[in-house]
Amino acid sequence: MAWPVTLLLGLCILMSALSAQADPDAIRSSAMSETRPSYQVQPIGWIRKRDGRTFIEFYEDYRPALLGVDQLDSLWVLYWFDRNDTPEQRSILQVHPRGNPANPLRGVFATRAPMRPNLIAMSRCRVLGVEGTVIEIDDIDAFAETPVLDLKP
């Protein structure tokens, strides 16, 4: 009588161990097919260009976050490629770098292309001065009126 119970228990343990060693590709594929989380970002300021100078102008409520920025030599500016924010532009996953067909095709993650699934851009800029809620920078590879998402030292 104990033998069938032992066999059944052993079979349960074996099946449990086998199911714990599931195919990692199948697990990833299953996870990727689920609904993706969504995140919301809002601009903290805007790129402004006038009289040959470039500025980042912040909303007043972010003034406390600028404490100490005047002591930095440079900073990373994260901004949004807002002029490419269409489903068609977001679906482009391969490009010829610099828009030149003579350059071999590459995935957007291997380029600085403005077409990408998430339109986050990043440029390193020299800090020329800070006054109130405005930082003057040397230049940035962004259009005037581009939304700024964050700064990093």
C-alpha atoms as a PDB file:
ATOM      1  CA  MET A   1       0.000   0.000   0.000  1.00  0.00           C
ATOM      2  CA  ALA A   2       2.871   2.422   0.735  1.00  0.00           C
ATOM      3  CA  TRP A   3       4.508   1.712  -2.630  1.00  0.00           C
ATOM      4  CA  PRO A   4       1.752   3.369  -4.809  1.00  0.00           C
ATOM      5  CA  VAL A   5       1.703   6.440  -2.524  1.00  0.00           C
ATOM      6  CA  THR A   6       5.499   6.747  -2.757  1.00  0.00           C
ATOM      7  CA  LEU A   7       5.348   6.353  -6.548  1.00  0.00           C
ATOM      8  CA  LEU A   8       2.608   8.987  -6.794  1.00  0.00           C
ATOM      9  CA  LEU A   9       4.552  11.387  -4.554  1.00  0.00           C
ATOM     10  CA  GLY A  10       7.734  10.847  -6.606  1.00  0.00           C
ATOM     11  CA  LEU A  11       5.819  11.456  -9.834  1.00  0.00           C
ATOM     12  CA  CYS A  12       4.412  14.732  -8.438  1.00  0.00           C
ATOM     13  CA  ILE A  13       7.894  15.894  -7.418  1.00  0.00           C
ATOM     14  CA  LEU A  14       9.303  14.999 -10.843  1.00  0.00           C
ATOM     15  CA  MET A  15       6.524  16.833 -12.693  1.00  0.00           C
ATOM     16  CA  SER A  16       6.985  19.866 -10.455  1.00  0.00           C
ATOM     17  CA  ALA A  17      10.730  19.931 -11.171  1.00  0.00           C
ATOM     18  CA  LEU A  18      10.165  19.596 -14.908  1.00  0.00           C
ATOM     19  CA  SER A  19       7.627  22.421 -15.000  1.00  0.00           C
ATOM     20  CA  ALA A  20      10.025  24.655 -13.027  1.00  0.00           C
ATOM     21  CA  GLN A  21      12.547  24.265 -15.856  1.00  0.00           C
ATOM     22  CA  ALA A  22      10.259  25.882 -18.417  1.00  0.00           C
ATOM     23  CA  ASP A  23      11.698  27.180 -21.683  1.00  0.00           C
ATOM     24  CA  PRO A  24      13.060  30.721 -20.995  1.00  0.00           C
ATOM     25  CA  ASP A  25      12.203  31.808 -24.566  1.00  0.00           C
ATOM     26  CA  ALA A  26       8.608  30.722 -24.053  1.00  0.00           C
ATOM     27  CA  ILE A  27       8.455  32.655 -20.768  1.00  0.00           C
ATOM     28  CA  ARG A  28       9.877  35.818 -22.427  1.00  0.00           C
ATOM     29  CA  SER A  29       7.531  35.444 -25.387  1.00  0.00           C
ATOM     30  CA  SER A  30       4.570  35.059 -23.049  1.00  0.00           C
ATOM     31  CA  ALA A  31       5.625  38.096 -21.002  1.00  0.00           C
ATOM     32  CA  MET A  32       6.134  40.217 -24.133  1.00  0.00           C
ATOM     33  CA  SER A  33       2.666  39.363 -25.451  1.00  0.00           C
ATOM     34  CA  GLU A  34       1.008  40.702 -22.323  1.00  0.00           C
ATOM     35  CA  THR A  35      -0.232  44.256 -22.118  1.00  0.00           C
ATOM     36  CA  ARG A  36       2.716  46.606 -21.794  1.00  0.00           C
ATOM     37  CA  PRO A  37       2.778  49.178 -19.029  1.00  0.00           C
ATOM     38  CA  SER A  38       2.415  52.781 -20.045  1.00  0.00           C
ATOM     39  CA  TYR A  39       4.245  55.740 -18.539  1.00  0.00           C
ATOM     40  CA  GLN A  40       3.496  59.407 -18.718  1.00  0.00           C
ATOM     41  CA  VAL A  41       6.106  62.149 -18.946  1.00  0.00           C
ATOM     42  CA  GLN A  42       5.546  65.873 -18.979  1.00  0.00           C
ATOM     43  CA  PRO A  43       7.886  68.680 -19.970  1.00  0.00           C
ATOM     44  CA  ILE A  44       9.717  70.494 -17.215  1.00  0.00           C
ATOM     45  CA  GLY A  45      10.780  73.225 -19.617  1.00  0.00           C
ATOM     46  CA  TRP A  46      11.486  74.161 -23.213  1.00  0.00           C
ATOM     47  CA  ILE A  47      14.448  74.780 -25.488  1.00  0.00           C
ATOM     48  CA  ARG A  48      14.534  78.452 -26.538  1.00  0.00           C
ATOM     49  CA  LYS A  49      16.791  79.917 -29.212  1.00  0.00           C
ATOM     50  CA  ARG A  50      17.139  83.637 -29.846  1.00  0.00           C
ATOM     51  CA  ASP A  51      19.823  86.023 -31.067  1.00  0.00           C
ATOM     52  CA  GLY A  52      22.250  83.153 -31.689  1.00  0.00           C
ATOM     53  CA  ARG A  53      21.979  81.942 -28.090  1.00  0.00           C
ATOM     54  CA  THR A  54      20.400  78.791 -26.663  1.00  0.00           C
ATOM     55  CA  PHE A  55      18.469  78.529 -23.390  1.00  0.00           C
ATOM     56  CA  ILE A  56      16.468  76.025 -21.415  1.00  0.00           C
ATOM     57  CA  GLU A  57      13.512  77.762 -19.818  1.00  0.00           C
ATOM     58  CA  PHE A  58      11.867  75.887 -16.936  1.00  0.00           C
ATOM     59  CA  TYR A  59       8.433  76.163 -15.419  1.00  0.00           C
ATOM     60  CA  GLU A  60       8.521  78.190 -12.199  1.00  0.00           C
ATOM     61  CA  ASP A  61       7.560  75.214 -10.003  1.00  0.00           C
ATOM     62  CA  TYR A  62      10.889  73.545 -10.920  1.00  0.00           C
ATOM     63  CA  ARG A  63      12.993  76.459  -9.634  1.00  0.00           C
ATOM     64  CA  PRO A  64      14.029  74.541  -6.446  1.00  0.00           C
ATOM     65  CA  ALA A  65      15.376  71.690  -8.619  1.00  0.00           C
ATOM     66  CA  LEU A  66      17.845  74.087 -10.271  1.00  0.00           C
ATOM     67  CA  LEU A  67      19.781  74.713  -7.044  1.00  0.00           C
ATOM     68  CA  GLY A  68      23.452  73.974  -7.758  1.00  0.00           C
ATOM     69  CA  VAL A  69      23.132  73.790 -11.559  1.00  0.00           C
ATOM     70  CA  ASP A  70      25.064  77.071 -11.782  1.00  0.00           C
ATOM     71  CA  GLN A  71      28.111  75.237 -10.371  1.00  0.00           C
ATOM     72  CA  LEU A  72      28.138  72.589 -13.126  1.00  0.00           C
ATOM     73  CA  ASP A  73      30.383  72.832 -16.170  1.00  0.00           C
ATOM     74  CA  SER A  74      28.038  70.737 -18.280  1.00  0.00           C
ATOM     75  CA  LEU A  75      24.892  68.653 -18.057  1.00  0.00           C
ATOM     76  CA  TRP A  76      22.929  66.072 -19.969  1.00  0.00           C
ATOM     77  CA  VAL A  77      19.636  67.365 -21.317  1.00  0.00           C
ATOM     78  CA  LEU A  78      16.930  64.774 -21.976  1.00  0.00           C
ATOM     79  CA  TYR A  79      14.271  65.991 -24.352  1.00  0.00           C
ATOM     80  CA  TRP A  80      11.444  64.692 -26.513  1.00  0.00           C
ATOM     81  CA  PHE A  81      11.638  64.386 -30.314  1.00  0.00           C
ATOM     82  CA  ASP A  82       8.144  65.862 -30.463  1.00  0.00           C
ATOM     83  CA  ARG A  83       8.177  66.566 -34.192  1.00  0.00           C
ATOM     84  CA  ASN A  84       8.472  62.816 -34.883  1.00  0.00           C
ATOM     85  CA  ASP A  85       5.690  61.745 -32.546  1.00  0.00           C
ATOM     86  CA  THR A  86       3.462  59.808 -34.933  1.00  0.00           C
ATOM     87  CA  PRO A  87       2.687  56.078 -35.012  1.00  0.00           C
ATOM     88  CA  GLU A  88       4.458  55.844 -38.384  1.00  0.00           C
ATOM     89  CA  GLN A  89       7.664  57.489 -37.124  1.00  0.00           C
ATOM     90  CA  ARG A  90       7.648  55.410 -33.927  1.00  0.00           C
ATOM     91  CA  SER A  91       7.373  52.201 -35.982  1.00  0.00           C
ATOM     92  CA  ILE A  92      10.595  52.874 -37.938  1.00  0.00           C
ATOM     93  CA  LEU A  93      13.158  50.513 -36.414  1.00  0.00           C
ATOM     94  CA  GLN A  94      15.967  50.633 -38.998  1.00  0.00           C
ATOM     95  CA  VAL A  95      17.568  53.623 -40.701  1.00  0.00           C
ATOM     96  CA  HIS A  96      20.533  54.621 -42.814  1.00  0.00           C
ATOM     97  CA  PRO A  97      22.660  56.697 -40.364  1.00  0.00           C
ATOM     98  CA  ARG A  98      22.464  60.433 -41.018  1.00  0.00           C
ATOM     99  CA  GLY A  99      19.755  59.734 -43.604  1.00  0.00           C
ATOM    100  CA  ASN A 100      22.433  58.735 -46.119  1.00  0.00           C
ATOM    101  CA  PRO A 101      21.497  55.628 -48.175  1.00  0.00           C
ATOM    102  CA  ALA A 102      25.231  55.018 -48.740  1.00  0.00           C
ATOM    103  CA  ASN A 103      25.501  54.180 -45.015  1.00  0.00           C
ATOM    104  CA  PRO A 104      24.574  50.571 -44.186  1.00  0.00           C
ATOM    105  CA  LEU A 105      21.167  49.993 -42.629  1.00  0.00           C
ATOM    106  CA  ARG A 106      21.250  49.896 -38.807  1.00  0.00           C
ATOM    107  CA  GLY A 107      18.773  49.437 -36.008  1.00  0.00           C
ATOM    108  CA  VAL A 108      17.684  52.719 -34.400  1.00  0.00           C
ATOM    109  CA  PHE A 109      19.164  51.624 -31.063  1.00  0.00           C
ATOM    110  CA  ALA A 110      22.594  51.704 -32.749  1.00  0.00           C
ATOM    111  CA  THR A 111      22.094  55.262 -34.050  1.00  0.00           C
ATOM    112  CA  ARG A 112      21.175  58.755 -32.921  1.00  0.00           C
ATOM    113  CA  ALA A 113      18.186  58.787 -35.282  1.00  0.00           C
ATOM    114  CA  PRO A 114      15.156  60.807 -34.146  1.00  0.00           C
ATOM    115  CA  MET A 115      12.850  57.968 -35.225  1.00  0.00           C
ATOM    116  CA  ARG A 116      12.496  55.503 -32.345  1.00  0.00           C
ATOM    117  CA  PRO A 117       9.837  53.666 -30.330  1.00  0.00           C
ATOM    118  CA  ASN A 118      10.249  56.140 -27.444  1.00  0.00           C
ATOM    119  CA  LEU A 119      11.287  59.563 -28.632  1.00  0.00           C
ATOM    120  CA  ILE A 120      13.740  60.384 -25.854  1.00  0.00           C
ATOM    121  CA  ALA A 121      16.822  62.330 -26.935  1.00  0.00           C
ATOM    122  CA  MET A 122      19.926  63.233 -24.963  1.00  0.00           C
ATOM    123  CA  SER A 123      22.614  65.879 -25.529  1.00  0.00           C
ATOM    124  CA  ARG A 124      25.546  66.968 -23.413  1.00  0.00           C
ATOM    125  CA  CYS A 125      25.690  70.763 -23.134  1.00  0.00           C
ATOM    126  CA  ARG A 126      28.024  73.264 -21.498  1.00  0.00           C
ATOM    127  CA  VAL A 127      26.389  75.452 -18.874  1.00  0.00           C
ATOM    128  CA  LEU A 128      27.102  79.106 -19.668  1.00  0.00           C
ATOM    129  CA  GLY A 129      24.945  80.637 -16.964  1.00  0.00           C
ATOM    130  CA  VAL A 130      21.848  80.306 -14.809  1.00  0.00           C
ATOM    131  CA  GLU A 131      19.410  83.078 -14.016  1.00  0.00           C
ATOM    132  CA  GLY A 132      16.192  82.257 -12.207  1.00  0.00           C
ATOM    133  CA  THR A 133      14.501  79.471 -14.146  1.00  0.00           C
ATOM    134  CA  VAL A 134      16.631  79.865 -17.279  1.00  0.00           C
ATOM    135  CA  ILE A 135      19.877  78.040 -18.082  1.00  0.00           C
ATOM    136  CA  GLU A 136      21.975  79.317 -20.958  1.00  0.00           C
ATOM    137  CA  ILE A 137      23.778  76.481 -22.738  1.00  0.00           C
ATOM    138  CA  ASP A 138      26.344  76.483 -25.542  1.00  0.00           C
ATOM    139  CA  ASP A 139      24.131  74.630 -28.036  1.00  0.00           C
ATOM    140  CA  ILE A 140      21.932  71.593 -28.394  1.00  0.00           C
ATOM    141  CA  ASP A 141      20.939  69.295 -31.234  1.00  0.00           C
ATOM    142  CA  ALA A 142      17.263  70.214 -30.816  1.00  0.00           C
ATOM    143  CA  PHE A 143      14.852  72.632 -32.389  1.00  0.00           C
ATOM    144  CA  ALA A 144      13.588  75.707 -30.593  1.00  0.00           C
ATOM    145  CA  GLU A 145      10.416  74.956 -28.603  1.00  0.00           C
ATOM    146  CA  THR A 146      11.441  71.325 -28.008  1.00  0.00           C
ATOM    147  CA  PRO A 147      10.099  69.958 -24.689  1.00  0.00           C
ATOM    148  CA  VAL A 148      12.731  69.201 -22.028  1.00  0.00           C
ATOM    149  CA  LEU A 149      12.089  66.130 -19.851  1.00  0.00           C
ATOM    150  CA  ASP A 150      15.007  66.065 -17.400  1.00  0.00           C
ATOM    151  CA  LEU A 151      18.577  67.132 -16.642  1.00  0.00           C
ATOM    152  CA  LYS A 152      21.451  65.004 -15.371  1.00  0.00           C
ATOM    153  CA  PRO A 153      24.833  66.291 -14.160  1.00  0.00           C
END
